[in-house]
């Protein structure tokens, strides 16, 4: 539509250009809603109809019909305005710059596909949203903060640089809109769903694909087949692919997963599956071979800090303890001071205690701020500002006053300290680091798994019973959980600390791996006398020929068990050539 084309206002029936119609509708609808005289009389669409209506003014039936039609048309727009007012009172979609941007895009499109129209002039409420939501917005929001601030682009996506960094293969594919079928495997809150939506947003902007989302917890096989049917039509009629996102894909059974196979194979759909379980065990091998598995790790403390900084900037929260210049730039707009203040230690506490889960971190931030604002309002101190401290955050997270997070230690540092204390046979220090981790909220099964590894790596053959002790501790922790299992872990830690140490097994196997990886050319074949010969043909080829069955001899048997070029190697004393 050209900018000079005329568009008729459905309320006042005046003509406007398509550039000015949106701004006029806002003012015109608001003016008619506040009038008490009732809806306006329908005006003629063309000038020639005016005389016809005037000459027919003595016909009640025609007037009633015209008035009824006008009233019906007006009521539709009046209801739309009421919905708009409700959105203004509870603007949960506008808690972030993303929400503001989406609102402007919807205004430009006019809700009916009239692309190219400029957004109406911003009002005072829009300015408030851009500068950060008020206390009322935060308190009346019915959407979790993690959902409201979900990133829409890779620039807002923090963490997982090993998967989508600037120089990675996936990043180049995303930039070129060549989306492969992938399985996103990682712990909760690491960004699997967010990454899928970022891929979808990029495809929507360029119009290269449509995005469909399903949850394996509620979807059925019929739902999948219907979506695949729509994807076929979309590809045939519109030449557009379909990106199908399946959350918790491991909850689909074998039959449901097999439904995707031919359609992923031929490219009808691009499958993006998200799972917290090991796809090697939970996803069919046939489907797994058609997808690339991307392993997402727990978010680091630095990544969580960036996510929380973005959240407090979007909410207009002033962080105390930062550089004044950066604080002013991030949390103050138009010279107005934020009503909510938060200690930097409080943000750091969330970053450490959320265990790399962005959803837990953001929702804990929202809970702590809401609790403090409600408390201030009930005490009539809201006008003096609200301060969120480290203790308020810990109270919301239900964590005790501990040093695990306060000293700035990551749990990897603490498990390293526990490991090295046991290696040094310092049982007192080993107990301290164990208590520091458990009281800080560490998963007891994680500690138990590390003890099993320690029993074989550092104790090994010096005390063969150490490994059964560690495995028993792991099983006991799995059976009874915390806090009863803490004494079981303490017993195992003391046993391993007191046990004699030997890294003989660890070093020998490390030498085997180094030998295999440094070997040049094809690996040597298995000697014929060591091969099994279950068939006549294999016996004729010399398989098992010359093998000496050890139990049949009373004295030691002289026999070679390694390939000829490796017979002089002793992996317990051998050193790789590059060392």
Foldseek 3Di string as FASTA:
>chain_A
DDQPDWDADLQPRDIDGLQCNLQVNVVRLVVVVPDPPAGDQDDDNDPVCVVVCVVCVPPVVVRVVRRVVSNVSSVVVNVVVVVVVVCLQAVLLLLFPVSLVVVQQCQQCVVPRVHPHGHHDDDPSSVCSVQAHALSNLQRHPDFLCVSPQDQAPVLQFAPCVDQNPPHPCVVCLVVLVAAAEEEEEAAQLQQVSVVNNSQSSCVVVVQAHEEEDELVPDDLVVVVVVLVVLVVCCVPVVHAYEYEYEQVLSDDPVSLVVCQVCSVVRSYRYYYYHHDDCVPRPDPSVPVRHHYDYGYQGALVRLLSNVLSSCLSNLEQEPPDDVVVSCVRRPDPNDHGQEYEYPLLSLLLSQLVRSRNSSSRSLVSVLRNVQCVVCVVVVNSVVGTYRYNVSSCVSVVADDACLRVVPDHLVVLLVQLLVLLLQLPLVSNLVSLVRQVSSPHFVLVSLVVQLVSCCQWQNPQDVCLNVLSVVLNVVCVVPPPDVSSVSSSVSSNVSSNGDTDRLVVQLVVLVVLCVVPDPDDDDDFDQLPADDPDPVSVVVRHVPPHDDQVVDPDDDDDDGDPPVCRVDDSSPDDDPVD
